[in-house]
């Protein structure tokens, strides 16, 4: 090859990186926002619309044509139109034959139709290659550059090549495609944006229920009881005192409920002698929302810290301290320091500070941005070992706070114990059962079961699997 020929080849444009045209049916908010983003990613875009008149919403670099004309210029067509308007596609079935149709629609409620929108589209245009994508992305997120939105895009379809081309567009937009399989997964993908905090429903409802219960419980003990027997009005306790009893109570109970399902699962596995049987549905759902329970518990613990910090500036506390000072001055008597009470007070505060610190560590490692940077063993160490240590410290914090008051008759108004006593029931059960489970006589068979050993296996040779494997 001579020098002149190499110069000629240098003048020839390189079309290997040229991207194919993408057609978008629909010039609404989402269609135009997606068009802007696709053009910025280097793809030529043509819009198919009922009206070919220029619109201020359409990107300047895009052409607006009729549906038939626009579909002839592209092999990938994004349907940015609601399902109820899909009928116009039927006359275009011949033109759309063999083309990739990307369904991005959502419904107004879960399982609104017998079949998914993508499957309905496949019925209308049987010759096209249908792919479901982009339905979890909003127009606002596209316009804002996806700075404050999820960058995950679920993709499904029966044609692998068509899916791959759509996922290439997703990646070009700076998003993360996730292949969900065949078009049968479209129903699940369409239901996903309609779910309102699905994993948070149980923790929030449980927290609201417990909050209401303990509020009325404290109302009876701390406000109604003194008013009936002592004719004193402590209704102002509703603002600070009662919330500062409810928050630590719920924080400790919810933290214990994070680890209670794991203990129950261990007991079930020991009883069954196998790990190859599903847990009850209620236990499965409980274990799936443990992270959310822990984060709600951390929120209550944080509120408890804030409420505790404002105690010295409360009018009631300042009035009580002032009365004590005046009483000592009038009686010319100073109460000596009680070292036992000082130790209990400092120990109570120290346990609370350490427990809350580890609580925050657990919450931070639950965040996806943090948990993705640690390996499985590190994550398990923090969530399990440090988690139980947190539960121990917080339980000890409440036990030391109670001190001698557990035996004091004044702590049982109308035979009702204080809220901190009720908060200890579940944590103590969890810790006691967990302590029993670490005994070698239980821990060893539980470990073997979780490694695949079965007490009554379906196949007899399976019971020796662990032993034989270690021997090899």
Protein backbone atom coordinates (compact mmCIF):
# COMPACT_ATOMS: atom_id res chain seq x y z
CA UNK A 1 0.00 0.00 0.00
CA UNK A 2 1.56 3.33 -1.08
CA UNK A 3 1.45 6.66 0.65
CA UNK A 4 -1.23 8.12 -1.66
CA UNK A 5 -3.63 5.23 -1.04
CA UNK A 6 -3.18 5.56 2.74
CA UNK A 7 -3.97 9.30 2.49
CA UNK A 8 -7.12 8.52 0.50
CA UNK A 9 -8.26 6.00 3.15
CA UNK A 10 -7.66 8.61 5.86
CA UNK A 11 -10.10 10.93 4.06
CA UNK A 12 -12.84 8.28 4.02
CA UNK A 13 -15.13 8.70 7.04
CA UNK A 14 -15.27 5.81 9.50
CA UNK A 15 -18.88 4.59 9.65
CA UNK A 16 -18.19 1.68 11.98
CA UNK A 17 -19.32 3.71 15.01
CA UNK A 18 -22.39 5.15 13.30
CA UNK A 19 -25.50 4.25 15.27
CA UNK A 20 -28.77 3.23 13.69
CA UNK A 21 -31.80 5.48 13.73
CA UNK A 22 -34.29 5.12 16.55
CA UNK A 23 -37.96 5.89 15.98
CA UNK A 24 -40.23 7.10 18.79
CA UNK A 25 -44.02 6.91 18.47
CA UNK A 26 -45.44 9.71 20.59
CA UNK A 27 -44.46 13.31 21.23
CA UNK A 28 -45.59 13.57 24.83
CA UNK A 29 -43.45 14.36 27.87
CA UNK A 30 -41.78 10.98 28.13
CA UNK A 31 -41.29 10.48 24.38
CA UNK A 32 -39.64 13.86 23.88
CA UNK A 33 -37.52 13.53 27.05
CA UNK A 34 -36.29 10.12 25.93
CA UNK A 35 -35.65 11.53 22.46
CA UNK A 36 -33.46 14.31 23.89
CA UNK A 37 -31.45 11.75 25.88
CA UNK A 38 -31.05 9.36 22.92
CA UNK A 39 -29.86 12.18 20.64
CA UNK A 40 -27.29 13.24 23.26
CA UNK A 41 -26.05 9.63 23.22
CA UNK A 42 -25.32 9.79 19.48
CA UNK A 43 -28.37 8.08 18.02
CA UNK A 44 -30.35 9.71 15.16
CA UNK A 45 -34.01 10.03 16.21
CA UNK A 46 -37.19 10.34 14.17
CA UNK A 47 -40.61 10.87 15.75
CA UNK A 48 -43.83 9.31 14.52
CA UNK A 49 -46.89 11.38 15.37
CA UNK A 50 -50.51 11.98 14.34
CA UNK A 51 -49.56 15.60 13.69
CA UNK A 52 -46.43 16.40 11.71
CA UNK A 53 -46.53 20.10 12.60
CA UNK A 54 -43.42 21.39 14.43
CA UNK A 55 -43.59 21.33 18.23
CA UNK A 56 -41.45 23.13 20.79
CA UNK A 57 -41.20 19.90 22.81
CA UNK A 58 -39.56 17.89 20.02
CA UNK A 59 -35.74 18.10 19.90
CA UNK A 60 -34.44 20.34 17.09
CA UNK A 61 -32.24 17.56 15.67
CA UNK A 62 -35.19 15.17 15.32
CA UNK A 63 -37.58 14.84 12.41
CA UNK A 64 -41.35 14.50 12.89
CA UNK A 65 -43.18 12.32 10.37
CA UNK A 66 -46.33 10.27 10.20
CA UNK A 67 -46.28 6.89 11.92
CA UNK A 68 -45.93 4.99 8.65
CA UNK A 69 -43.13 7.19 7.31
CA UNK A 70 -41.22 7.24 10.59
CA UNK A 71 -41.40 3.45 11.06
CA UNK A 72 -39.86 2.91 7.61
CA UNK A 73 -36.73 4.85 8.64
CA UNK A 74 -35.82 2.81 11.72
CA UNK A 75 -35.49 -0.81 12.83
CA UNK A 76 -36.03 0.07 16.51
CA UNK A 77 -39.32 1.76 17.39
CA UNK A 78 -40.10 2.92 20.91
CA UNK A 79 -43.84 3.01 21.65
CA UNK A 80 -44.26 6.00 24.00
CA UNK A 81 -48.05 5.76 23.94
CA UNK A 82 -50.57 4.40 26.45
CA UNK A 83 -52.05 0.92 25.89
CA UNK A 84 -55.56 2.21 25.15
CA UNK A 85 -54.21 3.93 22.00
CA UNK A 86 -52.39 0.89 20.56
CA UNK A 87 -55.12 0.21 17.97
CA UNK A 88 -53.50 2.52 15.42
CA UNK A 89 -50.65 -0.02 15.15
CA UNK A 90 -52.86 -2.70 13.56
CA UNK A 91 -52.91 -1.06 10.08
CA UNK A 92 -49.11 -0.72 10.31
CA UNK A 93 -48.57 -4.44 11.01
CA UNK A 94 -47.03 -5.08 7.58
CA UNK A 95 -44.60 -2.16 7.89
CA UNK A 96 -43.66 -3.15 11.45
CA UNK A 97 -43.02 -6.78 10.53
CA UNK A 98 -39.53 -7.82 11.71
CA UNK A 99 -38.90 -4.54 13.52
CA UNK A 100 -38.09 -4.15 17.22
CA UNK A 101 -40.96 -2.56 19.15
CA UNK A 102 -40.03 -1.33 22.62
CA UNK A 103 -43.03 -1.12 24.94
CA UNK A 104 -42.47 1.42 27.74
CA UNK A 105 -46.04 1.76 29.03
CA UNK A 106 -47.36 1.39 32.58
CA UNK A 107 -50.84 0.90 33.97
CA UNK A 108 -52.74 2.76 36.67
CA UNK A 109 -53.04 -0.23 39.02
CA UNK A 110 -51.40 -3.62 39.52
CA UNK A 111 -52.66 -6.42 37.22
CA UNK A 112 -55.10 -4.06 35.54
CA UNK A 113 -55.35 -6.34 32.50
CA UNK A 114 -55.22 -10.13 32.12
CA UNK A 115 -52.03 -9.87 30.06
CA UNK A 116 -49.16 -7.42 30.19
CA UNK A 117 -49.10 -4.43 27.87
CA UNK A 118 -46.10 -5.89 26.07
CA UNK A 119 -47.92 -9.19 25.46
CA UNK A 120 -50.97 -7.27 24.22
CA UNK A 121 -48.68 -5.37 21.83
CA UNK A 122 -47.31 -8.70 20.58
CA UNK A 123 -50.87 -9.82 19.82
CA UNK A 124 -51.60 -6.66 17.82
CA UNK A 125 -48.36 -6.83 15.82
CA UNK A 126 -47.50 -10.56 15.67
CA UNK A 127 -44.65 -10.11 13.19
CA UNK A 128 -42.68 -7.65 15.33
CA UNK A 129 -40.03 -8.36 17.98
CA UNK A 130 -41.41 -7.02 21.25
CA UNK A 131 -39.12 -5.83 24.06
CA UNK A 132 -40.23 -4.36 27.38
CA UNK A 133 -37.99 -1.58 28.74
CA UNK A 134 -37.78 1.97 30.16
CA UNK A 135 -41.06 1.73 32.11
CA UNK A 136 -39.24 2.28 35.43
CA UNK A 137 -37.70 5.58 34.26
CA UNK A 138 -39.58 8.88 34.50
CA UNK A 139 -39.50 11.87 32.15
CA UNK A 140 -38.25 14.05 35.00
CA UNK A 141 -35.34 11.67 35.65
CA UNK A 142 -34.34 11.78 31.97
CA UNK A 143 -34.40 15.58 31.89
CA UNK A 144 -32.45 15.90 35.15
CA UNK A 145 -29.69 13.63 33.89
CA UNK A 146 -30.62 10.74 36.25
CA UNK A 147 -28.81 12.48 39.10
CA UNK A 148 -31.39 11.67 41.77
CA UNK A 149 -33.07 8.59 40.32
CA UNK A 150 -32.54 4.87 40.00
CA UNK A 151 -30.41 4.03 36.97
CA UNK A 152 -31.62 0.45 36.68
CA UNK A 153 -33.73 -0.47 33.65
CA UNK A 154 -35.48 -3.84 33.48
CA UNK A 155 -35.52 -5.41 30.02
CA UNK A 156 -37.34 -8.52 28.81
CA UNK A 157 -38.22 -10.07 25.46
CA UNK A 158 -38.27 -13.34 23.54
CA UNK A 159 -35.73 -12.31 20.88
CA UNK A 160 -32.18 -12.22 22.27
CA UNK A 161 -30.77 -10.06 19.45
CA UNK A 162 -33.57 -7.52 19.83
CA UNK A 163 -33.02 -7.39 23.61
CA UNK A 164 -29.31 -6.87 23.11
CA UNK A 165 -29.88 -3.89 20.80
CA UNK A 166 -32.25 -2.29 23.28
CA UNK A 167 -29.79 -2.87 26.14
CA UNK A 168 -27.08 -1.20 24.03
CA UNK A 169 -29.29 1.90 23.88
CA UNK A 170 -29.87 1.70 27.63
CA UNK A 171 -26.11 1.59 28.26
CA UNK A 172 -25.54 4.47 25.84
CA UNK A 173 -27.93 6.57 27.95
CA UNK A 174 -25.76 5.91 31.01
CA UNK A 175 -28.29 3.51 32.56
CA UNK A 176 -27.87 -0.06 33.80
CA UNK A 177 -29.92 -2.69 31.94
CA UNK A 178 -31.04 -5.81 33.78
CA UNK A 179 -32.18 -8.74 31.67
CA UNK A 180 -35.31 -10.22 33.25
CA UNK A 181 -35.76 -13.00 30.71
CA UNK A 182 -38.61 -13.67 28.29
CA UNK A 183 -41.66 -11.53 27.62
CA UNK A 184 -43.49 -13.45 30.36
CA UNK A 185 -41.64 -11.23 32.85
CA UNK A 186 -43.32 -8.10 31.43
CA UNK A 187 -46.23 -8.34 33.90
CA UNK A 188 -43.82 -8.26 36.83
CA UNK A 189 -41.84 -5.39 35.31
CA UNK A 190 -45.03 -3.37 34.72
CA UNK A 191 -46.20 -3.97 38.30
CA UNK A 192 -42.87 -2.86 39.78
CA UNK A 193 -43.36 0.96 39.44
CA UNK A 194 -46.88 0.66 40.89
CA UNK A 195 -45.73 -0.85 44.17
CA UNK A 196 -45.52 1.70 46.98
CA UNK A 197 -42.53 0.74 49.15
CA UNK A 198 -43.39 -2.99 49.02
CA UNK A 199 -40.73 -4.06 51.54
CA UNK A 200 -41.59 -1.20 53.91
CA UNK A 201 -45.28 -1.94 54.31
CA UNK A 202 -44.99 -4.45 57.16
CA UNK A 203 -42.32 -2.53 59.15
CA UNK A 204 -44.23 0.75 58.90
CA UNK A 205 -47.62 -0.76 59.78
CA UNK A 206 -46.05 -2.65 62.69
CA UNK A 207 -44.33 0.51 63.92
CA UNK A 208 -47.55 2.54 63.70
CA UNK A 209 -49.46 -0.17 65.56
CA UNK A 210 -46.87 -0.41 68.34
CA UNK A 211 -46.65 3.39 68.56
CA UNK A 212 -50.41 3.69 69.03
CA UNK A 213 -50.43 0.90 71.63
CA UNK A 214 -47.59 2.33 73.73
CA UNK A 215 -48.95 5.88 73.43
CA UNK A 216 -52.26 4.91 75.02
CA UNK A 217 -50.42 2.67 77.48
CA UNK A 218 -48.26 5.60 78.65
CA UNK A 219 -51.30 7.88 78.62
CA UNK A 220 -53.01 5.60 81.15
CA UNK A 221 -49.96 5.15 83.40
CA UNK A 222 -48.39 8.60 83.32
CA UNK A 223 -51.31 11.00 82.87
CA UNK A 224 -54.64 9.41 83.77
CA UNK A 225 -53.36 7.55 86.85
CA UNK A 226 -51.77 10.64 88.56
CA UNK A 227 -54.86 12.69 87.76
CA UNK A 228 -57.22 10.11 89.30
CA UNK A 229 -55.22 9.36 92.45
CA UNK A 230 -53.14 12.49 93.02
CA UNK A 231 -55.22 15.16 91.22
CA UNK A 232 -52.12 16.32 89.34
CA UNK A 233 -52.15 17.38 85.70
CA UNK A 234 -49.21 15.95 83.78
CA UNK A 235 -50.81 16.30 80.35
CA UNK A 236 -47.72 18.17 79.10
CA UNK A 237 -45.90 14.81 79.20
CA UNK A 238 -47.49 14.16 75.79
CA UNK A 239 -44.97 16.52 74.16
CA UNK A 240 -41.64 15.13 75.39
CA UNK A 241 -41.85 12.52 78.15
CA UNK A 242 -44.19 10.04 76.49
CA UNK A 243 -42.44 10.16 73.07
CA UNK A 244 -39.13 9.68 74.89
CA UNK A 245 -40.55 6.50 76.41
CA UNK A 246 -42.09 5.23 73.18
CA UNK A 247 -39.03 5.77 70.95
CA UNK A 248 -36.47 3.69 72.90
CA UNK A 249 -39.10 1.02 73.55
CA UNK A 250 -39.87 0.64 69.86
CA UNK A 251 -36.19 0.87 68.88
CA UNK A 252 -35.29 -2.07 71.13
CA UNK A 253 -38.33 -4.17 70.17
CA UNK A 254 -37.83 -3.64 66.43
CA UNK A 255 -34.11 -4.40 66.72
CA UNK A 256 -34.98 -7.67 68.46
CA UNK A 257 -37.52 -8.43 65.72
CA UNK A 258 -34.68 -8.14 63.19
CA UNK A 259 -32.91 -11.13 64.75
CA UNK A 260 -35.91 -13.12 65.98
CA UNK A 261 -36.72 -14.65 62.54
CA UNK A 262 -33.14 -15.94 62.22
CA UNK A 263 -33.49 -17.67 65.58
CA UNK A 264 -36.85 -19.14 64.58
CA UNK A 265 -35.38 -20.34 61.27
CA UNK A 266 -32.56 -22.11 63.14
CA UNK A 267 -35.06 -23.86 65.42
CA UNK A 268 -37.15 -24.97 62.42
CA UNK A 269 -34.09 -26.33 60.62
CA UNK A 270 -32.99 -28.24 63.71
CA UNK A 271 -36.49 -29.68 64.13
CA UNK A 272 -36.77 -30.71 60.48
CA UNK A 273 -33.17 -31.83 60.15
CA UNK A 274 -32.83 -30.28 56.70
CA UNK A 275 -32.49 -26.93 54.95
CA UNK A 276 -34.18 -28.12 51.76
CA UNK A 277 -37.74 -27.35 52.88
CA UNK A 278 -39.20 -23.88 52.56
CA UNK A 279 -39.94 -21.84 55.63
CA UNK A 280 -43.55 -20.80 56.27
CA UNK A 281 -44.66 -17.90 54.08
CA UNK A 282 -44.97 -15.52 57.04
CA UNK A 283 -41.38 -16.27 58.08
CA UNK A 284 -40.09 -15.79 54.53
CA UNK A 285 -41.75 -12.38 54.30
CA UNK A 286 -40.49 -11.46 57.76
CA UNK A 287 -36.89 -12.32 56.86
CA UNK A 288 -37.08 -10.31 53.63
CA UNK A 289 -37.96 -7.09 55.45
CA UNK A 290 -35.37 -7.31 58.24
CA UNK A 291 -33.29 -4.48 56.80
CA UNK A 292 -36.30 -2.18 56.76
CA UNK A 293 -37.17 -3.15 60.34
CA UNK A 294 -33.62 -2.31 61.40
CA UNK A 295 -33.67 1.09 59.69
CA UNK A 296 -37.02 1.98 61.30
CA UNK A 297 -35.55 0.92 64.65
CA UNK A 298 -32.55 3.20 64.01
CA UNK A 299 -34.92 6.09 63.29
CA UNK A 300 -36.66 5.59 66.65
CA UNK A 301 -33.29 5.32 68.43
CA UNK A 302 -32.16 8.59 66.82
CA UNK A 303 -35.35 10.31 67.98
CA UNK A 304 -34.69 8.99 71.50
CA UNK A 305 -31.22 10.58 71.43
CA UNK A 306 -32.66 13.94 70.34
CA UNK A 307 -35.42 13.87 72.95
CA UNK A 308 -32.87 13.00 75.64
CA UNK A 309 -30.60 15.91 74.67
CA UNK A 310 -33.38 18.47 75.23
CA UNK A 311 -34.24 17.20 78.73
CA UNK A 312 -32.04 19.78 80.59
CA UNK A 313 -33.82 22.73 78.94
CA UNK A 314 -37.35 21.52 79.72
CA UNK A 315 -39.36 23.82 82.00
CA UNK A 316 -40.52 20.89 84.17
CA UNK A 317 -36.95 19.65 84.73
CA UNK A 318 -35.62 23.13 85.53
CA UNK A 319 -38.49 23.64 87.98
CA UNK A 320 -37.81 20.35 89.74
CA UNK A 321 -34.06 21.00 90.02
CA UNK A 322 -34.74 24.51 91.35
CA UNK A 323 -37.07 23.14 94.01
CA UNK A 324 -34.44 20.64 95.14
CA UNK A 325 -31.81 23.38 95.43
CA UNK A 326 -34.14 25.65 97.43
CA UNK A 327 -35.16 22.73 99.67
CA UNK A 328 -31.53 21.92 100.48
CA UNK A 329 -30.74 25.58 101.15
CA UNK A 330 -33.69 26.01 103.53
CA UNK A 331 -32.84 22.83 105.40
CA UNK A 332 -29.13 23.68 105.38
CA UNK A 333 -28.43 20.15 104.22
CA UNK A 334 -26.44 18.82 101.26
CA UNK A 335 -27.05 15.31 100.06
CA UNK A 336 -23.77 13.39 99.68
CA UNK A 337 -22.87 11.75 96.36
CA UNK A 338 -24.10 8.19 96.10
CA UNK A 339 -21.28 6.30 94.36
CA UNK A 340 -23.55 3.36 93.56
CA UNK A 341 -26.07 5.57 91.79
CA UNK A 342 -23.23 7.41 90.03
CA UNK A 343 -21.84 4.13 88.72
CA UNK A 344 -25.27 2.99 87.56
CA UNK A 345 -25.95 6.34 85.87
CA UNK A 346 -22.60 6.42 84.05
CA UNK A 347 -22.89 2.76 83.07
CA UNK A 348 -26.39 3.34 81.74
CA UNK A 349 -25.20 6.28 79.63
CA UNK A 350 -22.06 4.47 78.41
CA UNK A 351 -24.06 1.41 77.30
CA UNK A 352 -26.52 3.67 75.51
CA UNK A 353 -23.78 5.57 73.68
CA UNK A 354 -21.98 2.38 72.58
CA UNK A 355 -25.24 0.71 71.59
CA UNK A 356 -26.33 3.70 69.51
CA UNK A 357 -22.90 3.94 67.84
CA UNK A 358 -23.08 0.30 66.72
CA UNK A 359 -26.70 0.87 65.72
CA UNK A 360 -25.54 3.62 63.36
CA UNK A 361 -22.79 1.35 61.97
CA UNK A 362 -25.43 -1.30 61.20
CA UNK A 363 -27.58 1.28 59.46
CA UNK A 364 -24.70 2.61 57.35
CA UNK A 365 -23.65 -0.88 56.20
CA UNK A 366 -27.27 -1.54 55.17
CA UNK A 367 -27.05 1.19 52.52
CA UNK A 368 -26.49 -0.27 49.02
CA UNK A 369 -23.62 2.14 48.32
CA UNK A 370 -21.77 0.72 51.35
CA UNK A 371 -22.85 -2.92 51.30
CA UNK A 372 -21.71 -3.22 47.67
CA UNK A 373 -18.15 -2.36 48.68
CA UNK A 374 -17.75 -5.15 51.26
CA UNK A 375 -17.56 -8.87 50.65
CA UNK A 376 -20.07 -11.40 51.95
CA UNK A 377 -18.05 -12.34 55.03
CA UNK A 378 -17.51 -8.72 56.08
CA UNK A 379 -21.19 -7.91 55.61
CA UNK A 380 -22.21 -10.99 57.61
CA UNK A 381 -19.78 -10.08 60.41
CA UNK A 382 -21.23 -6.58 60.74
CA UNK A 383 -24.89 -7.54 60.42
CA UNK A 384 -24.70 -10.69 62.55
CA UNK A 385 -21.86 -10.43 65.08
CA UNK A 386 -21.99 -6.66 65.60
CA UNK A 387 -25.78 -6.81 65.33
CA UNK A 388 -26.09 -9.16 68.29
CA UNK A 389 -23.54 -7.08 70.20
CA UNK A 390 -25.72 -4.03 69.54
CA UNK A 391 -28.77 -5.90 70.83
CA UNK A 392 -26.84 -6.94 73.97
CA UNK A 393 -25.65 -3.39 74.68
CA UNK A 394 -29.09 -1.85 74.15
CA UNK A 395 -30.74 -4.52 76.33
CA UNK A 396 -28.14 -3.93 79.05
CA UNK A 397 -28.75 -0.19 78.70
CA UNK A 398 -32.43 -0.72 79.60
CA UNK A 399 -31.66 -3.23 82.37
CA UNK A 400 -29.25 -0.84 84.09
CA UNK A 401 -31.75 1.99 83.66
CA UNK A 402 -34.38 -0.09 85.47
CA UNK A 403 -32.07 -1.03 88.33
CA UNK A 404 -33.96 -1.43 91.61
CA UNK A 405 -37.15 -0.06 90.06
CA UNK A 406 -38.03 -3.53 88.77
CA UNK A 407 -38.97 -4.45 92.35
CA UNK A 408 -40.51 -1.12 93.33
CA UNK A 409 -44.34 -1.18 93.75
CA UNK A 410 -44.54 2.39 92.39
CA UNK A 411 -43.40 1.06 88.99
CA UNK A 412 -46.64 -0.89 88.64
CA UNK A 413 -49.46 1.61 88.37
CA UNK A 414 -52.78 -0.18 88.14
CA UNK A 415 -50.60 -3.31 88.00
CA UNK A 416 -49.21 -2.09 84.68
CA UNK A 417 -45.39 -2.30 84.42
CA UNK A 418 -43.36 0.51 82.89
CA UNK A 419 -42.83 0.49 79.13
CA UNK A 420 -39.12 -0.24 79.47
CA UNK A 421 -40.02 -3.50 81.21
CA UNK A 422 -42.23 -4.53 78.28
CA UNK A 423 -39.47 -3.61 75.84
CA UNK A 424 -37.18 -6.24 77.40
CA UNK A 425 -39.42 -9.26 76.73
CA UNK A 426 -38.58 -9.95 73.08
CA UNK A 427 -34.86 -8.97 73.25
CA UNK A 428 -34.31 -11.24 76.26
CA UNK A 429 -36.07 -14.13 74.52
CA UNK A 430 -33.90 -13.66 71.41
CA UNK A 431 -30.66 -13.44 73.39
CA UNK A 432 -31.45 -16.44 75.60
CA UNK A 433 -32.41 -18.66 72.64
CA UNK A 434 -29.36 -17.48 70.68
CA UNK A 435 -27.15 -18.29 73.69
CA UNK A 436 -28.62 -21.81 73.81
CA UNK A 437 -28.10 -22.28 70.07
CA UNK A 438 -24.35 -21.65 70.34
CA UNK A 439 -23.94 -24.67 72.60
CA UNK A 440 -21.83 -27.27 70.70
CA UNK A 441 -24.59 -29.90 70.96
CA UNK A 442 -26.87 -27.61 68.87
CA UNK A 443 -24.41 -25.45 66.94
CA UNK A 444 -22.61 -28.40 65.32
CA UNK A 445 -25.69 -30.14 63.82
CA UNK A 446 -27.11 -26.75 62.75
CA UNK A 447 -23.89 -25.98 60.87
CA UNK A 448 -23.99 -29.41 59.19
CA UNK A 449 -27.62 -28.88 58.17
CA UNK A 450 -26.78 -25.51 56.60
CA UNK A 451 -23.93 -27.20 54.70
CA UNK A 452 -26.33 -29.70 53.14
CA UNK A 453 -26.55 -32.59 55.63
CA UNK A 454 -30.01 -34.10 56.24
CA UNK A 455 -31.24 -36.19 59.15
CA UNK A 456 -33.71 -38.17 57.02
CA UNK A 457 -32.54 -37.66 53.44
CA UNK A 458 -34.58 -38.64 50.42
CA UNK A 459 -31.50 -40.43 49.14
CA UNK A 460 -29.56 -42.39 51.85
CA UNK A 461 -26.13 -41.56 50.47
CA UNK A 462 -26.82 -37.84 50.94
CA UNK A 463 -26.46 -38.11 54.73
CA UNK A 464 -22.78 -38.99 54.28
CA UNK A 465 -22.19 -36.20 51.76
CA UNK A 466 -20.42 -33.84 54.16
CA UNK A 467 -18.24 -36.60 55.64
CA UNK A 468 -17.26 -38.01 52.25
CA UNK A 469 -16.55 -34.56 50.87
CA UNK A 470 -14.23 -33.71 53.76
CA UNK A 471 -12.51 -37.08 53.42
CA UNK A 472 -11.73 -36.39 49.77
